[in-house]
Amino acid sequence: MNSSVISEFHQLYYYSGVWATNTTWMGIPQKCPLDLWVYQEIIHEVKPDLIIETGTCYGGSALYMAQICDLIGNGQVITIDIANRSGLPEHNRIRYLNGSSIGPSILDSVDSLIKAAKTIMVVLDSDHSRDYVLKEMEFYSKYVTSGSYLIVEDSDVNGHPICPDHGPGPFEAITDFLKVHPEFWSDTSREKFLMTQNPSGYLRRK
């Protein structure tokens, strides 16, 4: 497939705003359905005991992942956000933490909550600046178990291929991280639908 065609479709999708206005899961704003399909494949394959998500926003992806965990009969979701929003979806597999994802109190809380989990998956979707994402990757990659995933979202900004004026973001953080973390590799097989909002962002632990 011509890469320029993929980029043009990606830009058309993003700038249409459909992802921000009327893409929902159970009535809650949601991310790109192509990536959501890949998430359920990963959850079914890895069967994580725990999924750690940074960047709760409206709680749509936390609810989606919790309901996929319902279907496979395993897993809990810890989701973290600096904003303290009301009306987030309730589910017995979801635990909400309020604070900075790289703040000491949050990291202490995560440390205390992961002890019983044998298989852990991480999804990063908070601040999208390179330096912040790289700090998150350094902090949270240690929790990812062998064969599981560290997913870095929205690596399509800063011209990859959207928002060229964004400045260094998740894509650049991924590049820097992989230079010093050979235990992870970018699993491009997870980009099989051609358009993903997480290019090079499906990092699997060896």
C-alpha atoms as a PDB file:
ATOM      1  CA  MET A   1       0.000   0.000   0.000  1.00  0.00           C
ATOM      2  CA  ASN A   2       1.294   3.459  -0.925  1.00  0.00           C
ATOM      3  CA  SER A   3       2.432   5.194   2.261  1.00  0.00           C
ATOM      4  CA  SER A   4       1.229   8.569   1.002  1.00  0.00           C
ATOM      5  CA  VAL A   5      -2.301   7.164   0.637  1.00  0.00           C
ATOM      6  CA  ILE A   6      -2.185   5.880   4.216  1.00  0.00           C
ATOM      7  CA  SER A   7      -0.948   9.256   5.471  1.00  0.00           C
ATOM      8  CA  GLU A   8      -3.632  11.108   3.550  1.00  0.00           C
ATOM      9  CA  PHE A   9      -6.364   8.893   4.970  1.00  0.00           C
ATOM     10  CA  HIS A  10      -4.893   9.282   8.468  1.00  0.00           C
ATOM     11  CA  GLN A  11      -4.950  13.071   8.111  1.00  0.00           C
ATOM     12  CA  LEU A  12      -8.486  12.994   6.708  1.00  0.00           C
ATOM     13  CA  TYR A  13      -9.655  10.875   9.643  1.00  0.00           C
ATOM     14  CA  TYR A  14      -7.978  13.058  12.256  1.00  0.00           C
ATOM     15  CA  TYR A  15      -8.893  16.475  10.899  1.00  0.00           C
ATOM     16  CA  SER A  16     -12.522  15.410  10.332  1.00  0.00           C
ATOM     17  CA  GLY A  17     -12.839  15.415  14.114  1.00  0.00           C
ATOM     18  CA  VAL A  18     -14.952  12.264  14.083  1.00  0.00           C
ATOM     19  CA  TRP A  19     -12.755  10.725  16.776  1.00  0.00           C
ATOM     20  CA  ALA A  20     -13.461  13.657  19.105  1.00  0.00           C
ATOM     21  CA  THR A  21     -17.156  14.196  18.529  1.00  0.00           C
ATOM     22  CA  ASN A  22     -19.115  11.087  17.716  1.00  0.00           C
ATOM     23  CA  THR A  23     -17.031   7.965  18.207  1.00  0.00           C
ATOM     24  CA  THR A  24     -18.222   6.339  21.438  1.00  0.00           C
ATOM     25  CA  TRP A  25     -18.150   3.066  23.355  1.00  0.00           C
ATOM     26  CA  MET A  26     -21.251   2.562  25.504  1.00  0.00           C
ATOM     27  CA  GLY A  27     -21.969   6.268  25.036  1.00  0.00           C
ATOM     28  CA  ILE A  28     -18.521   7.473  26.159  1.00  0.00           C
ATOM     29  CA  PRO A  29     -16.049   9.227  23.785  1.00  0.00           C
ATOM     30  CA  GLN A  30     -13.514   6.749  22.503  1.00  0.00           C
ATOM     31  CA  LYS A  31     -10.300   6.372  20.513  1.00  0.00           C
ATOM     32  CA  CYS A  32      -9.798   5.045  16.970  1.00  0.00           C
ATOM     33  CA  PRO A  33     -11.771   1.793  16.474  1.00  0.00           C
ATOM     34  CA  LEU A  34      -8.877   0.268  14.516  1.00  0.00           C
ATOM     35  CA  ASP A  35      -6.664   0.554  17.580  1.00  0.00           C
ATOM     36  CA  LEU A  36      -9.442  -0.653  19.872  1.00  0.00           C
ATOM     37  CA  TRP A  37      -9.702  -3.853  17.845  1.00  0.00           C
ATOM     38  CA  VAL A  38      -5.962  -4.406  18.300  1.00  0.00           C
ATOM     39  CA  TYR A  39      -6.300  -3.751  22.044  1.00  0.00           C
ATOM     40  CA  GLN A  40      -8.843  -6.530  22.426  1.00  0.00           C
ATOM     41  CA  GLU A  41      -6.598  -8.883  20.439  1.00  0.00           C
ATOM     42  CA  ILE A  42      -3.701  -8.094  22.764  1.00  0.00           C
ATOM     43  CA  ILE A  43      -5.820  -8.469  25.919  1.00  0.00           C
ATOM     44  CA  HIS A  44      -7.170 -11.808  24.699  1.00  0.00           C
ATOM     45  CA  GLU A  45      -3.669 -13.016  23.823  1.00  0.00           C
ATOM     46  CA  VAL A  46      -1.771 -11.742  26.873  1.00  0.00           C
ATOM     47  CA  LYS A  47      -4.606 -12.113  29.413  1.00  0.00           C
ATOM     48  CA  PRO A  48      -3.180  -9.456  31.735  1.00  0.00           C
ATOM     49  CA  ASP A  49      -3.979  -9.599  35.423  1.00  0.00           C
ATOM     50  CA  LEU A  50      -3.559  -5.831  35.461  1.00  0.00           C
ATOM     51  CA  ILE A  51      -3.720  -3.031  32.890  1.00  0.00           C
ATOM     52  CA  ILE A  52      -2.225   0.309  33.940  1.00  0.00           C
ATOM     53  CA  GLU A  53      -3.482   3.304  31.953  1.00  0.00           C
ATOM     54  CA  THR A  54      -2.286   6.890  32.245  1.00  0.00           C
ATOM     55  CA  GLY A  55      -4.690   9.533  30.947  1.00  0.00           C
ATOM     56  CA  THR A  56      -8.230   8.579  31.982  1.00  0.00           C
ATOM     57  CA  CYS A  57     -10.018  11.506  30.315  1.00  0.00           C
ATOM     58  CA  TYR A  58     -13.700  10.447  30.192  1.00  0.00           C
ATOM     59  CA  GLY A  59     -12.981   6.840  31.132  1.00  0.00           C
ATOM     60  CA  GLY A  60     -13.995   5.366  27.787  1.00  0.00           C
ATOM     61  CA  SER A  61     -10.899   3.280  27.169  1.00  0.00           C
ATOM     62  CA  ALA A  62     -10.800   2.107  30.805  1.00  0.00           C
ATOM     63  CA  LEU A  63     -14.389   0.896  30.488  1.00  0.00           C
ATOM     64  CA  TYR A  64     -13.693  -0.738  27.133  1.00  0.00           C
ATOM     65  CA  MET A  65     -10.678  -2.624  28.471  1.00  0.00           C
ATOM     66  CA  ALA A  66     -12.534  -3.613  31.645  1.00  0.00           C
ATOM     67  CA  GLN A  67     -15.380  -5.046  29.587  1.00  0.00           C
ATOM     68  CA  ILE A  68     -12.936  -6.992  27.419  1.00  0.00           C
ATOM     69  CA  CYS A  69     -11.508  -8.335  30.688  1.00  0.00           C
ATOM     70  CA  ASP A  70     -15.077  -9.379  31.578  1.00  0.00           C
ATOM     71  CA  LEU A  71     -15.251 -11.371  28.362  1.00  0.00           C
ATOM     72  CA  ILE A  72     -12.005 -13.251  29.024  1.00  0.00           C
ATOM     73  CA  GLY A  73     -12.742 -13.598  32.733  1.00  0.00           C
ATOM     74  CA  ASN A  74      -9.550 -11.963  33.964  1.00  0.00           C
ATOM     75  CA  GLY A  75      -7.960  -8.593  34.649  1.00  0.00           C
ATOM     76  CA  GLN A  76      -8.219  -5.290  36.474  1.00  0.00           C
ATOM     77  CA  VAL A  77      -7.647  -1.736  35.213  1.00  0.00           C
ATOM     78  CA  ILE A  78      -5.864   1.036  37.104  1.00  0.00           C
ATOM     79  CA  THR A  79      -6.369   4.360  35.339  1.00  0.00           C
ATOM     80  CA  ILE A  80      -4.632   7.597  36.301  1.00  0.00           C
ATOM     81  CA  ASP A  81      -5.426  11.224  35.497  1.00  0.00           C
ATOM     82  CA  ILE A  82      -4.406  14.586  36.882  1.00  0.00           C
ATOM     83  CA  ALA A  83      -7.949  15.912  36.363  1.00  0.00           C
ATOM     84  CA  ASN A  84     -10.557  14.921  38.928  1.00  0.00           C
ATOM     85  CA  ARG A  85     -13.640  14.460  36.738  1.00  0.00           C
ATOM     86  CA  SER A  86     -17.063  13.499  37.983  1.00  0.00           C
ATOM     87  CA  GLY A  87     -19.361  11.043  36.259  1.00  0.00           C
ATOM     88  CA  LEU A  88     -16.695   8.557  35.200  1.00  0.00           C
ATOM     89  CA  PRO A  89     -18.042   5.106  34.332  1.00  0.00           C
ATOM     90  CA  GLU A  90     -18.304   2.661  37.200  1.00  0.00           C
ATOM     91  CA  HIS A  91     -17.104  -0.903  36.821  1.00  0.00           C
ATOM     92  CA  ASN A  92     -15.887  -3.407  39.381  1.00  0.00           C
ATOM     93  CA  ARG A  93     -12.661  -3.981  37.415  1.00  0.00           C
ATOM     94  CA  ILE A  94     -11.705  -0.271  37.277  1.00  0.00           C
ATOM     95  CA  ARG A  95      -9.793   1.650  39.935  1.00  0.00           C
ATOM     96  CA  TYR A  96      -9.309   5.400  39.427  1.00  0.00           C
ATOM     97  CA  LEU A  97      -6.252   7.250  40.741  1.00  0.00           C
ATOM     98  CA  ASN A  98      -6.145  11.058  40.734  1.00  0.00           C
ATOM     99  CA  GLY A  99      -2.797  12.810  40.330  1.00  0.00           C
ATOM    100  CA  SER A 100       0.236  13.169  38.089  1.00  0.00           C
ATOM    101  CA  SER A 101       1.192   9.860  36.498  1.00  0.00           C
ATOM    102  CA  ILE A 102       4.830  10.513  37.376  1.00  0.00           C
ATOM    103  CA  GLY A 103       4.186  11.997  40.822  1.00  0.00           C
ATOM    104  CA  PRO A 104       5.675  10.169  43.839  1.00  0.00           C
ATOM    105  CA  SER A 105       2.300   9.531  45.510  1.00  0.00           C
ATOM    106  CA  ILE A 106       0.829   7.952  42.369  1.00  0.00           C
ATOM    107  CA  LEU A 107       3.908   5.825  41.753  1.00  0.00           C
ATOM    108  CA  ASP A 108       3.767   4.642  45.374  1.00  0.00           C
ATOM    109  CA  SER A 109       0.102   3.746  44.936  1.00  0.00           C
ATOM    110  CA  VAL A 110       0.819   1.792  41.756  1.00  0.00           C
ATOM    111  CA  ASP A 111       3.662  -0.048  43.474  1.00  0.00           C
ATOM    112  CA  SER A 112       1.297  -1.135  46.240  1.00  0.00           C
ATOM    113  CA  LEU A 113      -1.444  -2.246  43.830  1.00  0.00           C
ATOM    114  CA  ILE A 114       0.576  -4.434  41.472  1.00  0.00           C
ATOM    115  CA  LYS A 115       1.870  -6.971  43.959  1.00  0.00           C
ATOM    116  CA  ALA A 116      -0.631  -9.720  43.146  1.00  0.00           C
ATOM    117  CA  ALA A 117      -0.429  -9.269  39.371  1.00  0.00           C
ATOM    118  CA  LYS A 118       1.669 -11.792  37.457  1.00  0.00           C
ATOM    119  CA  THR A 119       0.997 -10.325  33.997  1.00  0.00           C
ATOM    120  CA  ILE A 120       0.894  -6.553  33.452  1.00  0.00           C
ATOM    121  CA  MET A 121       0.175  -4.383  30.415  1.00  0.00           C
ATOM    122  CA  VAL A 122       0.631  -0.579  30.281  1.00  0.00           C
ATOM    123  CA  VAL A 123      -1.081   2.066  28.112  1.00  0.00           C
ATOM    124  CA  LEU A 124       0.315   5.629  28.132  1.00  0.00           C
ATOM    125  CA  ASP A 125      -2.083   8.386  27.038  1.00  0.00           C
ATOM    126  CA  SER A 126      -1.542  11.472  29.173  1.00  0.00           C
ATOM    127  CA  ASP A 127       0.733  14.443  28.414  1.00  0.00           C
ATOM    128  CA  HIS A 128       2.065  14.066  24.856  1.00  0.00           C
ATOM    129  CA  SER A 129       5.349  15.977  25.104  1.00  0.00           C
ATOM    130  CA  ARG A 130       8.497  13.932  24.450  1.00  0.00           C
ATOM    131  CA  ASP A 131      10.107  14.574  27.834  1.00  0.00           C
ATOM    132  CA  TYR A 132       6.999  13.694  29.808  1.00  0.00           C
ATOM    133  CA  VAL A 133       6.274  10.550  27.786  1.00  0.00           C
ATOM    134  CA  LEU A 134       9.885   9.434  28.134  1.00  0.00           C
ATOM    135  CA  LYS A 135       9.651   9.827  31.915  1.00  0.00           C
ATOM    136  CA  GLU A 136       6.449   7.781  31.908  1.00  0.00           C
ATOM    137  CA  MET A 137       8.092   5.114  29.790  1.00  0.00           C
ATOM    138  CA  GLU A 138      11.030   4.884  32.172  1.00  0.00           C
ATOM    139  CA  PHE A 139       8.750   4.663  35.224  1.00  0.00           C
ATOM    140  CA  TYR A 140       6.114   2.279  33.867  1.00  0.00           C
ATOM    141  CA  SER A 141       8.145   0.006  31.587  1.00  0.00           C
ATOM    142  CA  LYS A 142       9.489  -1.811  34.640  1.00  0.00           C
ATOM    143  CA  TYR A 143       5.980  -3.103  35.358  1.00  0.00           C
ATOM    144  CA  VAL A 144       5.491  -4.656  31.913  1.00  0.00           C
ATOM    145  CA  THR A 145       5.961  -8.408  32.094  1.00  0.00           C
ATOM    146  CA  SER A 146       7.685 -10.587  29.509  1.00  0.00           C
ATOM    147  CA  GLY A 147       5.579 -11.009  26.364  1.00  0.00           C
ATOM    148  CA  SER A 148       3.240  -8.179  27.336  1.00  0.00           C
ATOM    149  CA  TYR A 149       2.971  -4.642  25.959  1.00  0.00           C
ATOM    150  CA  LEU A 150       3.847  -1.042  26.713  1.00  0.00           C
ATOM    151  CA  ILE A 151       1.518   0.902  24.388  1.00  0.00           C
ATOM    152  CA  VAL A 152       2.414   4.537  23.733  1.00  0.00           C
ATOM    153  CA  GLU A 153      -0.547   6.394  22.285  1.00  0.00           C
ATOM    154  CA  ASP A 154      -0.804   9.362  19.908  1.00  0.00           C
ATOM    155  CA  SER A 155       2.653   8.938  18.426  1.00  0.00           C
ATOM    156  CA  ASP A 156       1.104  10.244  15.201  1.00  0.00           C
ATOM    157  CA  VAL A 157       1.575  13.895  16.268  1.00  0.00           C
ATOM    158  CA  ASN A 158       4.505  16.105  15.247  1.00  0.00           C
ATOM    159  CA  GLY A 159       4.076  15.166  11.604  1.00  0.00           C
ATOM    160  CA  HIS A 160       3.708  11.383  11.963  1.00  0.00           C
ATOM    161  CA  PRO A 161       1.580  12.322  10.029  1.00  0.00           C
ATOM    162  CA  ILE A 162      -0.667  14.857  11.879  1.00  0.00           C
ATOM    163  CA  CYS A 163      -0.111  18.085  13.842  1.00  0.00           C
ATOM    164  CA  PRO A 164       3.300  18.969  12.353  1.00  0.00           C
ATOM    165  CA  ASP A 165       3.635  21.962  14.692  1.00  0.00           C
ATOM    166  CA  HIS A 166       3.121  19.903  17.845  1.00  0.00           C
ATOM    167  CA  GLY A 167       6.809  19.633  18.687  1.00  0.00           C
ATOM    168  CA  PRO A 168       8.635  16.493  19.836  1.00  0.00           C
ATOM    169  CA  GLY A 169       6.117  14.069  21.261  1.00  0.00           C
ATOM    170  CA  PRO A 170       5.473  10.364  21.851  1.00  0.00           C
ATOM    171  CA  PHE A 171       7.108   9.208  18.606  1.00  0.00           C
ATOM    172  CA  GLU A 172      10.379  10.898  19.548  1.00  0.00           C
ATOM    173  CA  ALA A 173      10.120   9.502  23.091  1.00  0.00           C
ATOM    174  CA  ILE A 174       9.712   5.998  21.651  1.00  0.00           C
ATOM    175  CA  THR A 175      12.794   6.470  19.473  1.00  0.00           C
ATOM    176  CA  ASP A 176      14.891   7.627  22.440  1.00  0.00           C
ATOM    177  CA  PHE A 177      13.543   4.881  24.724  1.00  0.00           C
ATOM    178  CA  LEU A 178      14.308   2.025  22.345  1.00  0.00           C
ATOM    179  CA  LYS A 179      17.924   3.164  22.010  1.00  0.00           C
ATOM    180  CA  VAL A 180      18.551   2.237  25.639  1.00  0.00           C
ATOM    181  CA  HIS A 181      15.957  -0.485  26.233  1.00  0.00           C
ATOM    182  CA  PRO A 182      16.762  -3.495  24.035  1.00  0.00           C
ATOM    183  CA  GLU A 183      14.331  -5.574  26.102  1.00  0.00           C
ATOM    184  CA  PHE A 184      11.511  -3.880  24.151  1.00  0.00           C
ATOM    185  CA  TRP A 185      10.810  -3.865  20.427  1.00  0.00           C
ATOM    186  CA  SER A 186       8.211  -2.133  18.280  1.00  0.00           C
ATOM    187  CA  ASP A 187       5.696  -4.767  17.188  1.00  0.00           C
ATOM    188  CA  THR A 188       4.580  -3.379  13.830  1.00  0.00           C
ATOM    189  CA  SER A 189       2.345  -6.421  13.251  1.00  0.00           C
ATOM    190  CA  ARG A 190      -0.120  -4.554  15.489  1.00  0.00           C
ATOM    191  CA  GLU A 191      -0.352  -1.868  12.786  1.00  0.00           C
ATOM    192  CA  LYS A 192      -1.950  -4.300  10.336  1.00  0.00           C
ATOM    193  CA  PHE A 193      -4.940  -2.050   9.665  1.00  0.00           C
ATOM    194  CA  LEU A 194      -2.456   0.449   8.122  1.00  0.00           C
ATOM    195  CA  MET A 195      -3.851   3.466   9.969  1.00  0.00           C
ATOM    196  CA  THR A 196      -3.047   3.663  13.675  1.00  0.00           C
ATOM    197  CA  GLN A 197      -2.840   6.568  16.081  1.00  0.00           C
ATOM    198  CA  ASN A 198       0.077   4.758  17.748  1.00  0.00           C
ATOM    199  CA  PRO A 199       2.695   4.326  14.986  1.00  0.00           C
ATOM    200  CA  SER A 200       5.719   2.429  16.375  1.00  0.00           C
ATOM    201  CA  GLY A 201       3.912   2.599  19.727  1.00  0.00           C
ATOM    202  CA  TYR A 202       3.069  -1.064  20.306  1.00  0.00           C
ATOM    203  CA  LEU A 203       6.153  -2.005  22.305  1.00  0.00           C
ATOM    204  CA  ARG A 204       6.447  -5.647  23.303  1.00  0.00           C
ATOM    205  CA  ARG A 205       8.721  -6.861  26.040  1.00  0.00           C
ATOM    206  CA  LYS A 206      10.971  -9.726  25.002  1.00  0.00           C
END
